[in-house]
């Protein structure tokens, strides 16, 4: 079969050599002085060597091996792409979960802050009421003390003034009569 292939190749590739020579069927064509013949022989020997050492099979095997490697690389790239898409989807889900959780935490913190502000406002209001009540009590106490002091002082002044008036207006006879009346009042009350 190799010989048939070689013969077919020789006829096929001899076409250019035949085109260069006017008559390939003449005896002059097959002389060693004819360069076209020498080139044709060299080419046929080259093809024979290539076929003998199975270079087309080796080249086909290398091409098949390279195609298999490329196919394997494509499969690996496809698998990596799918894995990357899976990881990306996972991270996107986690991102959404974290975002939702962060929104929930912020909302909860805001609600707690509002409740704490309301509580602090209520506590401040009660504290102000207590301080106002304490201040009013102190003012009332100070007012009562001032009124008592004013009354006491007025009573002292009134007693002193009455004593001065009585001392000036009283005679010895009136003083004796008052003493006698006082003693009689005390005796009546003791018995």
N, C-alpha and C. Protein backbone atom coordinates (compact mmCIF):
# COMPACT_ATOMS: atom_id res chain seq x y z
N UNK A 1 0.82 -1.18 0.00
CA UNK A 1 0.00 0.00 0.00
C UNK A 1 0.86 1.25 0.00
N UNK A 2 1.96 1.21 0.77
CA UNK A 2 2.86 2.34 0.80
C UNK A 2 3.43 2.62 -0.59
N UNK A 3 3.70 1.53 -1.35
CA UNK A 3 4.25 1.71 -2.70
C UNK A 3 3.22 2.37 -3.61
N UNK A 4 1.96 1.98 -3.44
CA UNK A 4 0.90 2.58 -4.26
C UNK A 4 0.76 4.05 -3.92
N UNK A 5 0.83 4.34 -2.64
CA UNK A 5 0.75 5.72 -2.19
C UNK A 5 1.93 6.53 -2.71
N UNK A 6 3.10 5.90 -2.66
CA UNK A 6 4.31 6.57 -3.14
C UNK A 6 4.22 6.83 -4.64
N UNK A 7 3.70 5.86 -5.37
CA UNK A 7 3.55 6.03 -6.81
C UNK A 7 2.58 7.14 -7.14
N UNK A 8 1.47 7.17 -6.43
CA UNK A 8 0.47 8.21 -6.66
C UNK A 8 1.04 9.57 -6.33
N UNK A 9 1.79 9.64 -5.24
CA UNK A 9 2.39 10.90 -4.86
C UNK A 9 3.41 11.33 -5.89
N UNK A 10 4.15 10.36 -6.44
CA UNK A 10 5.17 10.70 -7.43
C UNK A 10 4.51 11.28 -8.67
N UNK A 11 3.42 10.67 -9.11
CA UNK A 11 2.72 11.17 -10.29
C UNK A 11 2.13 12.55 -10.00
N UNK A 12 1.58 12.70 -8.80
CA UNK A 12 0.95 13.98 -8.44
C UNK A 12 1.99 15.10 -8.37
N UNK A 13 3.11 14.80 -7.71
CA UNK A 13 4.12 15.83 -7.54
C UNK A 13 5.04 15.95 -8.76
N UNK A 14 4.98 15.03 -9.66
CA UNK A 14 5.78 15.12 -10.87
C UNK A 14 5.18 16.10 -11.84
N UNK A 15 3.98 16.50 -11.61
CA UNK A 15 3.30 17.46 -12.46
C UNK A 15 4.09 18.74 -12.64
N UNK A 16 4.60 19.36 -11.58
CA UNK A 16 5.36 20.59 -11.78
C UNK A 16 6.63 20.34 -12.57
N UNK A 17 7.27 19.18 -12.33
CA UNK A 17 8.50 18.88 -13.08
C UNK A 17 8.17 18.68 -14.54
N UNK A 18 7.08 18.02 -14.83
CA UNK A 18 6.67 17.79 -16.20
C UNK A 18 6.32 19.09 -16.88
N UNK A 19 5.78 20.03 -16.15
CA UNK A 19 5.41 21.31 -16.73
C UNK A 19 6.66 22.09 -17.12
N UNK A 20 7.75 21.88 -16.40
CA UNK A 20 8.98 22.60 -16.71
C UNK A 20 9.68 22.04 -17.94
N UNK A 21 9.46 20.75 -18.18
CA UNK A 21 10.10 20.10 -19.33
C UNK A 21 9.08 19.96 -20.44
N UNK A 22 9.55 20.04 -21.64
CA UNK A 22 8.62 19.98 -22.75
C UNK A 22 8.10 18.57 -23.00
N UNK A 23 8.92 17.57 -22.76
CA UNK A 23 8.47 16.22 -23.06
C UNK A 23 9.04 15.29 -22.01
N UNK A 24 8.20 14.79 -21.14
CA UNK A 24 8.68 13.89 -20.10
C UNK A 24 8.84 12.46 -20.61
N UNK A 25 8.36 12.21 -21.77
CA UNK A 25 8.46 10.86 -22.32
C UNK A 25 9.71 10.69 -23.19
N UNK A 26 10.47 11.73 -23.36
CA UNK A 26 11.69 11.61 -24.15
C UNK A 26 12.81 11.06 -23.30
N UNK A 27 13.81 10.46 -23.93
CA UNK A 27 14.94 9.86 -23.22
C UNK A 27 15.82 10.92 -22.61
N UNK A 28 15.79 12.12 -23.11
CA UNK A 28 16.64 13.19 -22.58
C UNK A 28 16.18 13.61 -21.17
N UNK A 29 14.95 13.44 -20.90
CA UNK A 29 14.43 13.83 -19.57
C UNK A 29 15.02 12.97 -18.47
N UNK A 30 15.29 11.72 -18.75
CA UNK A 30 15.73 10.79 -17.72
C UNK A 30 17.26 10.71 -17.60
N UNK A 31 17.99 11.64 -18.08
CA UNK A 31 19.45 11.69 -17.97
C UNK A 31 19.80 12.41 -16.68
N UNK A 32 20.93 12.09 -16.09
CA UNK A 32 21.37 12.72 -14.85
C UNK A 32 21.82 14.16 -15.08
N UNK A 33 21.97 14.56 -16.27
CA UNK A 33 22.35 15.94 -16.56
C UNK A 33 21.15 16.87 -16.56
N UNK A 34 19.97 16.28 -16.59
CA UNK A 34 18.76 17.08 -16.57
C UNK A 34 18.42 17.42 -15.10
N UNK A 35 18.44 18.68 -14.78
CA UNK A 35 18.18 19.12 -13.40
C UNK A 35 16.74 18.83 -12.98
N UNK A 36 15.84 18.89 -13.89
CA UNK A 36 14.45 18.61 -13.54
C UNK A 36 14.31 17.16 -13.08
N UNK A 37 15.00 16.27 -13.74
CA UNK A 37 14.96 14.86 -13.35
C UNK A 37 15.59 14.66 -11.97
N UNK A 38 16.72 15.32 -11.73
CA UNK A 38 17.42 15.21 -10.45
C UNK A 38 16.52 15.73 -9.33
N UNK A 39 15.86 16.82 -9.56
CA UNK A 39 14.95 17.41 -8.56
C UNK A 39 13.80 16.46 -8.31
N UNK A 40 13.26 15.86 -9.36
CA UNK A 40 12.17 14.91 -9.21
C UNK A 40 12.62 13.71 -8.41
N UNK A 41 13.83 13.17 -8.71
CA UNK A 41 14.36 12.03 -7.95
C UNK A 41 14.57 12.38 -6.48
N UNK A 42 15.14 13.53 -6.24
CA UNK A 42 15.39 13.95 -4.85
C UNK A 42 14.07 14.10 -4.10
N UNK A 43 13.09 14.64 -4.78
CA UNK A 43 11.79 14.83 -4.14
C UNK A 43 11.13 13.50 -3.83
N UNK A 44 11.22 12.56 -4.77
CA UNK A 44 10.63 11.24 -4.54
C UNK A 44 11.36 10.50 -3.43
N UNK A 45 12.68 10.63 -3.38
CA UNK A 45 13.45 10.01 -2.28
C UNK A 45 13.04 10.64 -0.96
N UNK A 46 12.90 11.94 -0.96
CA UNK A 46 12.48 12.64 0.26
C UNK A 46 11.12 12.13 0.73
N UNK A 47 10.17 11.99 -0.22
CA UNK A 47 8.86 11.47 0.14
C UNK A 47 8.96 10.04 0.64
N UNK A 48 9.84 9.24 0.05
CA UNK A 48 10.03 7.87 0.49
C UNK A 48 10.57 7.82 1.90
N UNK A 49 11.55 8.66 2.20
CA UNK A 49 12.12 8.71 3.55
C UNK A 49 11.05 9.15 4.54
N UNK A 50 10.27 10.14 4.18
CA UNK A 50 9.22 10.65 5.06
C UNK A 50 8.21 9.54 5.35
N UNK A 51 7.82 8.80 4.31
CA UNK A 51 6.85 7.73 4.50
C UNK A 51 7.49 6.58 5.26
N UNK A 52 8.77 6.24 4.95
CA UNK A 52 9.44 5.12 5.61
C UNK A 52 9.54 5.35 7.13
N UNK A 53 9.89 6.56 7.51
CA UNK A 53 10.01 6.85 8.94
C UNK A 53 8.67 7.25 9.57
N UNK A 54 7.62 7.08 8.85
CA UNK A 54 6.25 7.30 9.32
C UNK A 54 6.06 8.70 9.89
N UNK A 55 6.63 9.69 9.23
CA UNK A 55 6.53 11.07 9.67
C UNK A 55 5.08 11.56 9.64
N UNK A 56 4.27 11.20 8.61
CA UNK A 56 2.88 11.66 8.66
C UNK A 56 2.14 11.12 9.88
N UNK A 57 2.43 9.85 10.24
CA UNK A 57 1.78 9.29 11.43
C UNK A 57 2.25 10.00 12.70
N UNK A 58 3.57 10.30 12.73
CA UNK A 58 4.11 11.01 13.90
C UNK A 58 3.49 12.40 13.99
N UNK A 59 3.43 13.09 12.82
CA UNK A 59 2.84 14.43 12.82
C UNK A 59 1.36 14.36 13.20
N UNK A 60 0.65 13.37 12.65
CA UNK A 60 -0.77 13.21 13.00
C UNK A 60 -0.92 12.90 14.49
N UNK A 61 -0.01 12.05 15.02
CA UNK A 61 -0.06 11.74 16.45
C UNK A 61 0.21 12.97 17.30
N UNK A 62 1.20 13.77 16.86
CA UNK A 62 1.50 15.01 17.60
C UNK A 62 0.31 15.97 17.53
N UNK A 63 -0.30 16.05 16.35
CA UNK A 63 -1.47 16.93 16.21
C UNK A 63 -2.64 16.41 17.06
N UNK A 64 -2.82 15.08 17.05
CA UNK A 64 -3.88 14.51 17.89
C UNK A 64 -3.61 14.76 19.36
N UNK A 65 -2.31 14.60 19.74
CA UNK A 65 -1.93 14.84 21.14
C UNK A 65 -2.16 16.30 21.51
N UNK A 66 -1.79 17.18 20.59
CA UNK A 66 -1.99 18.62 20.84
C UNK A 66 -3.49 18.93 20.90
N UNK A 67 -4.27 18.31 20.02
CA UNK A 67 -5.73 18.52 20.04
C UNK A 67 -6.32 18.01 21.35
N UNK A 68 -5.82 16.84 21.81
CA UNK A 68 -6.31 16.30 23.08
C UNK A 68 -5.94 17.22 24.23
N UNK A 69 -4.73 17.77 24.18
CA UNK A 69 -4.29 18.70 25.24
C UNK A 69 -5.15 19.96 25.22
N UNK A 70 -5.42 20.45 24.02
CA UNK A 70 -6.27 21.65 23.91
C UNK A 70 -7.68 21.33 24.41
N UNK A 71 -8.19 20.13 24.05
CA UNK A 71 -9.51 19.72 24.52
C UNK A 71 -9.52 19.63 26.05
N UNK A 72 -8.46 19.05 26.61
CA UNK A 72 -8.37 18.93 28.08
C UNK A 72 -8.28 20.31 28.71
N UNK A 73 -7.51 21.22 28.10
CA UNK A 73 -7.40 22.58 28.62
C UNK A 73 -8.76 23.29 28.56
N UNK A 74 -9.48 23.06 27.45
CA UNK A 74 -10.82 23.66 27.34
C UNK A 74 -11.77 23.11 28.40
N UNK A 75 -11.71 21.80 28.62
CA UNK A 75 -12.56 21.19 29.65
C UNK A 75 -12.21 21.73 31.03
N UNK A 76 -10.90 21.86 31.27
CA UNK A 76 -10.46 22.39 32.57
C UNK A 76 -10.91 23.85 32.72
N UNK A 77 -10.77 24.62 31.65
CA UNK A 77 -11.22 26.02 31.69
C UNK A 77 -12.72 26.09 31.92
N UNK A 78 -13.48 25.19 31.25
CA UNK A 78 -14.94 25.16 31.43
C UNK A 78 -15.28 24.81 32.88
N UNK A 79 -14.56 23.82 33.42
CA UNK A 79 -14.81 23.42 34.82
C UNK A 79 -14.45 24.57 35.77
N UNK A 80 -13.32 25.23 35.50
CA UNK A 80 -12.93 26.37 36.35
C UNK A 80 -13.94 27.51 36.24
N UNK A 81 -14.47 27.71 35.02
CA UNK A 81 -15.47 28.76 34.84
C UNK A 81 -16.73 28.44 35.64
N UNK A 82 -17.17 27.18 35.56
CA UNK A 82 -18.37 26.78 36.31
C UNK A 82 -18.13 26.91 37.81
N UNK A 83 -16.93 26.50 38.24
CA UNK A 83 -16.60 26.63 39.67
C UNK A 83 -16.57 28.09 40.09
N UNK A 84 -15.99 28.93 39.22
CA UNK A 84 -15.95 30.36 39.52
C UNK A 84 -17.35 30.94 39.59
N UNK A 85 -18.24 30.50 38.69
CA UNK A 85 -19.62 30.99 38.73
C UNK A 85 -20.33 30.53 40.00
N UNK A 86 -20.03 29.30 40.41
CA UNK A 86 -20.62 28.79 41.65
C UNK A 86 -20.13 29.60 42.85
N UNK A 87 -18.81 29.85 42.88
CA UNK A 87 -18.24 30.63 43.98
C UNK A 87 -18.79 32.05 43.96
N UNK A 88 -18.90 32.64 42.75
CA UNK A 88 -19.45 33.99 42.64
C UNK A 88 -20.89 34.03 43.15
N UNK A 89 -21.68 33.06 42.76
CA UNK A 89 -23.07 33.02 43.23
C UNK A 89 -23.12 32.87 44.74
N UNK A 90 -22.23 32.04 45.28
CA UNK A 90 -22.17 31.86 46.72
C UNK A 90 -21.81 33.16 47.42
N UNK A 91 -20.80 33.85 46.88
CA UNK A 91 -20.41 35.13 47.49
C UNK A 91 -21.50 36.18 47.34
N UNK A 92 -22.21 36.16 46.23
CA UNK A 92 -23.31 37.12 46.07
C UNK A 92 -24.42 36.84 47.07
N UNK A 93 -24.72 35.54 47.32
CA UNK A 93 -25.73 35.20 48.33
C UNK A 93 -25.25 35.66 49.71
N UNK A 94 -23.98 35.36 50.00
CA UNK A 94 -23.44 35.77 51.31
C UNK A 94 -23.45 37.28 51.45
N UNK A 95 -23.13 37.99 50.35
CA UNK A 95 -23.14 39.45 50.38
C UNK A 95 -24.54 39.97 50.68
N UNK A 96 -25.54 39.38 50.03
CA UNK A 96 -26.92 39.78 50.28
C UNK A 96 -27.33 39.48 51.73
N UNK A 97 -26.92 38.30 52.22
CA UNK A 97 -27.25 37.94 53.61
C UNK A 97 -26.60 38.92 54.58
N UNK A 98 -25.32 39.24 54.34
CA UNK A 98 -24.60 40.17 55.21
C UNK A 98 -25.23 41.55 55.13
N UNK A 99 -25.61 41.96 53.91
CA UNK A 99 -26.24 43.27 53.74
C UNK A 99 -27.56 43.31 54.49
N UNK A 100 -28.35 42.25 54.36
CA UNK A 100 -29.63 42.19 55.07
C UNK A 100 -29.42 42.22 56.58
N UNK A 101 -28.44 41.44 57.03
CA UNK A 101 -28.14 41.41 58.47
C UNK A 101 -27.65 42.78 58.94
N UNK A 102 -26.81 43.45 58.16
CA UNK A 102 -26.32 44.77 58.53
C UNK A 102 -27.47 45.77 58.59
N UNK A 103 -28.38 45.70 57.62
CA UNK A 103 -29.56 46.59 57.65
C UNK A 103 -30.39 46.33 58.89
N UNK A 104 -30.55 45.04 59.22
CA UNK A 104 -31.31 44.68 60.41
C UNK A 104 -30.63 45.22 61.68
N UNK A 105 -29.30 45.10 61.74
CA UNK A 105 -28.57 45.58 62.91
C UNK A 105 -28.68 47.09 63.02
N UNK A 106 -28.54 47.80 61.89
CA UNK A 106 -28.65 49.26 61.90
C UNK A 106 -30.05 49.68 62.33
N UNK A 107 -31.07 49.00 61.81
CA UNK A 107 -32.44 49.33 62.17
C UNK A 107 -32.68 49.09 63.66
N UNK A 108 -32.17 47.95 64.16
CA UNK A 108 -32.33 47.64 65.58
C UNK A 108 -31.59 48.66 66.44
N UNK A 109 -30.39 49.04 66.03
CA UNK A 109 -29.61 50.03 66.79
C UNK A 109 -30.31 51.37 66.79
N UNK A 110 -30.88 51.74 65.64
CA UNK A 110 -31.59 53.02 65.55
C UNK A 110 -32.81 52.99 66.48
N UNK A 111 -33.54 51.87 66.49
CA UNK A 111 -34.71 51.74 67.35
C UNK A 111 -34.30 51.81 68.82
N UNK A 112 -33.22 51.11 69.18
CA UNK A 112 -32.75 51.16 70.57
C UNK A 112 -32.31 52.57 70.95
N UNK A 113 -31.66 53.27 70.02
CA UNK A 113 -31.22 54.64 70.29
C UNK A 113 -32.42 55.55 70.53
N UNK A 114 -33.47 55.36 69.70
CA UNK A 114 -34.68 56.17 69.88
C UNK A 114 -35.34 55.87 71.23
N UNK A 115 -35.40 54.58 71.59
CA UNK A 115 -35.99 54.20 72.88
C UNK A 115 -35.15 54.77 74.03
N UNK A 116 -33.81 54.69 73.91
CA UNK A 116 -32.94 55.23 74.95
C UNK A 116 -33.10 56.74 75.06
N UNK A 117 -33.28 57.42 73.91
CA UNK A 117 -33.48 58.87 73.93
C UNK A 117 -34.80 59.22 74.62
N UNK A 118 -35.85 58.46 74.31
CA UNK A 118 -37.14 58.69 74.96
C UNK A 118 -37.05 58.44 76.47
N UNK A 119 -36.36 57.36 76.84
CA UNK A 119 -36.18 57.05 78.26
C UNK A 119 -35.38 58.14 78.96
N UNK A 120 -34.31 58.60 78.30
CA UNK A 120 -33.49 59.66 78.88
C UNK A 120 -34.30 60.95 79.01
N UNK A 121 -35.15 61.22 78.01
CA UNK A 121 -35.98 62.42 78.05
C UNK A 121 -36.97 62.32 79.22
N UNK A 122 -37.56 61.13 79.40
CA UNK A 122 -38.51 60.94 80.51
C UNK A 122 -37.79 61.06 81.85
N UNK A 123 -36.60 60.45 81.95
CA UNK A 123 -35.82 60.54 83.19
C UNK A 123 -35.44 61.99 83.48
N UNK A 124 -35.06 62.72 82.45
CA UNK A 124 -34.70 64.12 82.63
C UNK A 124 -35.92 64.92 83.09
N UNK A 125 -37.08 64.62 82.51
CA UNK A 125 -38.31 65.32 82.93
C UNK A 125 -38.63 65.05 84.39
N UNK A 126 -38.51 63.76 84.81
CA UNK A 126 -38.76 63.43 86.23
C UNK A 126 -37.74 64.11 87.13
N UNK A 127 -36.49 64.13 86.70
CA UNK A 127 -35.43 64.77 87.50
C UNK A 127 -35.70 66.26 87.65
N UNK A 128 -36.12 66.89 86.55
CA UNK A 128 -36.43 68.33 86.61
C UNK A 128 -37.62 68.55 87.54
N UNK A 129 -38.64 67.69 87.45
CA UNK A 129 -39.79 67.83 88.34
C UNK A 129 -39.37 67.69 89.80
N UNK A 130 -38.51 66.69 90.10
CA UNK A 130 -38.05 66.51 91.48
C UNK A 130 -37.27 67.73 91.96
N UNK A 131 -36.41 68.25 91.10
CA UNK A 131 -35.62 69.43 91.50
C UNK A 131 -36.51 70.66 91.68
N UNK A 132 -37.50 70.80 90.77
CA UNK A 132 -38.43 71.93 90.94
C UNK A 132 -39.22 71.79 92.24
N UNK A 133 -39.67 70.56 92.55
CA UNK A 133 -40.41 70.31 93.80
C UNK A 133 -39.53 70.61 95.00
N UNK A 134 -38.23 70.14 94.92
CA UNK A 134 -37.32 70.40 96.02
C UNK A 134 -37.07 71.91 96.17
N UNK A 135 -36.92 72.62 95.04
CA UNK A 135 -36.71 74.07 95.09
C UNK A 135 -37.95 74.77 95.65
N UNK A 136 -39.15 74.31 95.22
CA UNK A 136 -40.38 74.90 95.76
C UNK A 136 -40.50 74.65 97.26
N UNK A 137 -40.12 73.40 97.68
CA UNK A 137 -40.16 73.09 99.12
C UNK A 137 -39.18 73.98 99.89
N UNK A 138 -37.98 74.17 99.31
CA UNK A 138 -37.01 75.04 99.99
C UNK A 138 -37.52 76.48 100.05
N UNK A 139 -38.13 76.92 98.96
CA UNK A 139 -38.68 78.29 98.95
C UNK A 139 -39.80 78.41 99.98
N UNK A 140 -40.69 77.42 100.03
CA UNK A 140 -41.79 77.45 101.01
C UNK A 140 -41.25 77.41 102.43
N UNK A 141 -40.22 76.57 102.64
CA UNK A 141 -39.61 76.49 103.97
C UNK A 141 -38.95 77.80 104.36
N UNK A 142 -38.23 78.39 103.40
CA UNK A 142 -37.58 79.68 103.67
C UNK A 142 -38.61 80.76 103.90
N UNK A 143 -39.71 80.71 103.14
CA UNK A 143 -40.78 81.70 103.31
C UNK A 143 -41.42 81.56 104.70
N UNK A 144 -41.68 80.27 105.07
CA UNK A 144 -42.28 80.04 106.40
C UNK A 144 -41.33 80.50 107.50
N UNK A 145 -40.03 80.21 107.32
CA UNK A 145 -39.05 80.65 108.33
C UNK A 145 -38.99 82.17 108.39
N UNK A 146 -39.06 82.82 107.22
CA UNK A 146 -39.01 84.29 107.18
C UNK A 146 -40.25 84.88 107.85
N UNK A 147 -41.41 84.27 107.55
CA UNK A 147 -42.66 84.76 108.16
C UNK A 147 -42.61 84.58 109.67
N UNK A 148 -42.13 83.40 110.15
CA UNK A 148 -42.03 83.14 111.59
C UNK A 148 -41.07 84.14 112.25
N UNK A 149 -39.94 84.39 111.53
CA UNK A 149 -38.96 85.32 112.09
C UNK A 149 -39.55 86.73 112.16
N UNK A 150 -40.29 87.11 111.09
CA UNK A 150 -40.92 88.43 111.07
C UNK A 150 -41.96 88.52 112.19
N UNK A 151 -42.77 87.45 112.42
CA UNK A 151 -43.77 87.46 113.48
C UNK A 151 -43.11 87.55 114.85
N UNK A 152 -42.05 86.71 115.00
CA UNK A 152 -41.35 86.74 116.29
C UNK A 152 -40.79 88.13 116.57
N UNK A 153 -40.18 88.68 115.52
CA UNK A 153 -39.58 90.02 115.69
C UNK A 153 -40.69 91.05 115.95
N UNK A 154 -41.84 90.90 115.24
CA UNK A 154 -42.96 91.83 115.43
C UNK A 154 -43.52 91.69 116.85
N UNK A 155 -43.58 90.43 117.33
CA UNK A 155 -44.07 90.21 118.69
C UNK A 155 -43.12 90.83 119.71
N UNK A 156 -41.82 90.67 119.46
CA UNK A 156 -40.84 91.25 120.37
C UNK A 156 -40.96 92.77 120.39
N UNK A 157 -41.11 93.32 119.18
CA UNK A 157 -41.23 94.78 119.07
C UNK A 157 -42.53 95.23 119.74
N UNK A 158 -43.63 94.46 119.51
CA UNK A 158 -44.92 94.82 120.10
C UNK A 158 -44.86 94.74 121.62
N UNK A 159 -44.20 93.68 122.13
CA UNK A 159 -44.08 93.54 123.59
C UNK A 159 -43.25 94.70 124.16
N UNK A 160 -42.16 95.00 123.45
CA UNK A 160 -41.30 96.09 123.92
C UNK A 160 -42.04 97.41 123.88
N UNK A 161 -42.78 97.60 122.76
CA UNK A 161 -43.52 98.84 122.62
C UNK A 161 -44.63 98.91 123.68
N UNK A 162 -45.32 97.78 123.91
CA UNK A 162 -46.38 97.77 124.90
C UNK A 162 -45.80 98.01 126.29
N UNK A 163 -44.61 97.42 126.52
CA UNK A 163 -43.96 97.63 127.81
C UNK A 163 -43.62 99.10 128.02
N UNK A 164 -43.14 99.74 126.95
CA UNK A 164 -42.81 101.16 127.04
C UNK A 164 -44.07 101.99 127.28
N UNK A 165 -45.14 101.65 126.54
CA UNK A 165 -46.39 102.39 126.67
C UNK A 165 -46.96 102.19 128.08
N UNK A 166 -46.95 100.96 128.55
CA UNK A 166 -47.51 100.65 129.87
C UNK A 166 -46.66 101.32 130.95
N UNK A 167 -45.34 101.25 130.73
CA UNK A 167 -44.46 101.83 131.73
C UNK A 167 -44.67 103.32 131.82
N UNK A 168 -44.89 103.96 130.72
CA UNK A 168 -45.10 105.40 130.73
C UNK A 168 -46.50 105.76 131.28
N UNK A 169 -47.48 104.96 130.96
CA UNK A 169 -48.84 105.29 131.34
C UNK A 169 -49.20 104.75 132.72
N UNK A 170 -48.49 103.87 133.23
CA UNK A 170 -48.86 103.21 134.48
C UNK A 170 -48.33 104.03 135.69
N UNK A 171 -49.23 104.08 136.61
CA UNK A 171 -48.86 104.73 137.87
C UNK A 171 -48.72 103.65 138.91
N UNK A 172 -48.23 104.00 140.07
CA UNK A 172 -48.01 103.02 141.13
C UNK A 172 -49.34 102.46 141.61
N UNK A 173 -50.37 103.23 141.68
CA UNK A 173 -51.67 102.79 142.11
C UNK A 173 -52.22 101.79 141.11
N UNK A 174 -52.07 102.03 139.77
CA UNK A 174 -52.55 101.12 138.73
C UNK A 174 -51.74 99.82 138.76
N UNK A 175 -50.45 99.90 139.05
CA UNK A 175 -49.61 98.72 139.09
C UNK A 175 -50.02 97.83 140.24
N UNK A 176 -50.34 98.42 141.41
CA UNK A 176 -50.78 97.63 142.55
C UNK A 176 -52.11 96.96 142.27
N UNK A 177 -53.01 97.63 141.66
CA UNK A 177 -54.29 97.07 141.33
C UNK A 177 -54.11 95.91 140.36
N UNK A 178 -53.29 96.02 139.35
CA UNK A 178 -53.05 94.95 138.40
C UNK A 178 -52.45 93.74 139.10
N UNK A 179 -51.57 93.95 140.00
CA UNK A 179 -50.95 92.85 140.73
C UNK A 179 -52.02 92.15 141.56
N UNK A 180 -52.86 92.87 142.24
CA UNK A 180 -53.93 92.27 143.05
C UNK A 180 -54.89 91.45 142.16
N UNK A 181 -55.24 91.95 141.00
CA UNK A 181 -56.13 91.25 140.09
C UNK A 181 -55.47 89.96 139.60
N UNK A 182 -54.20 90.03 139.32
CA UNK A 182 -53.47 88.87 138.83
C UNK A 182 -53.42 87.80 139.90
N UNK A 183 -53.22 88.19 141.16
CA UNK A 183 -53.16 87.23 142.23
C UNK A 183 -54.53 86.60 142.43
N UNK A 184 -55.56 87.35 142.32
CA UNK A 184 -56.92 86.83 142.46
C UNK A 184 -57.23 85.86 141.34
N UNK A 185 -56.83 86.14 140.16
CA UNK A 185 -57.06 85.26 139.00
C UNK A 185 -56.33 83.96 139.20
N UNK A 186 -55.10 84.03 139.71
CA UNK A 186 -54.29 82.82 139.91
C UNK A 186 -54.94 82.00 141.02
N UNK A 187 -55.44 82.62 142.11
CA UNK A 187 -56.07 81.87 143.20
C UNK A 187 -57.33 81.17 142.70
N UNK A 188 -58.09 81.81 141.88
CA UNK A 188 -59.31 81.22 141.36
C UNK A 188 -58.98 79.99 140.48
N UNK A 189 -57.96 80.12 139.78
CA UNK A 189 -57.62 79.04 138.86
C UNK A 189 -56.94 77.89 139.58
N UNK A 190 -56.29 78.14 140.65
CA UNK A 190 -55.62 77.07 141.38
C UNK A 190 -56.64 76.26 142.21
N UNK A 191 -57.72 76.88 142.65
CA UNK A 191 -58.69 76.18 143.50
C UNK A 191 -59.74 75.57 142.71
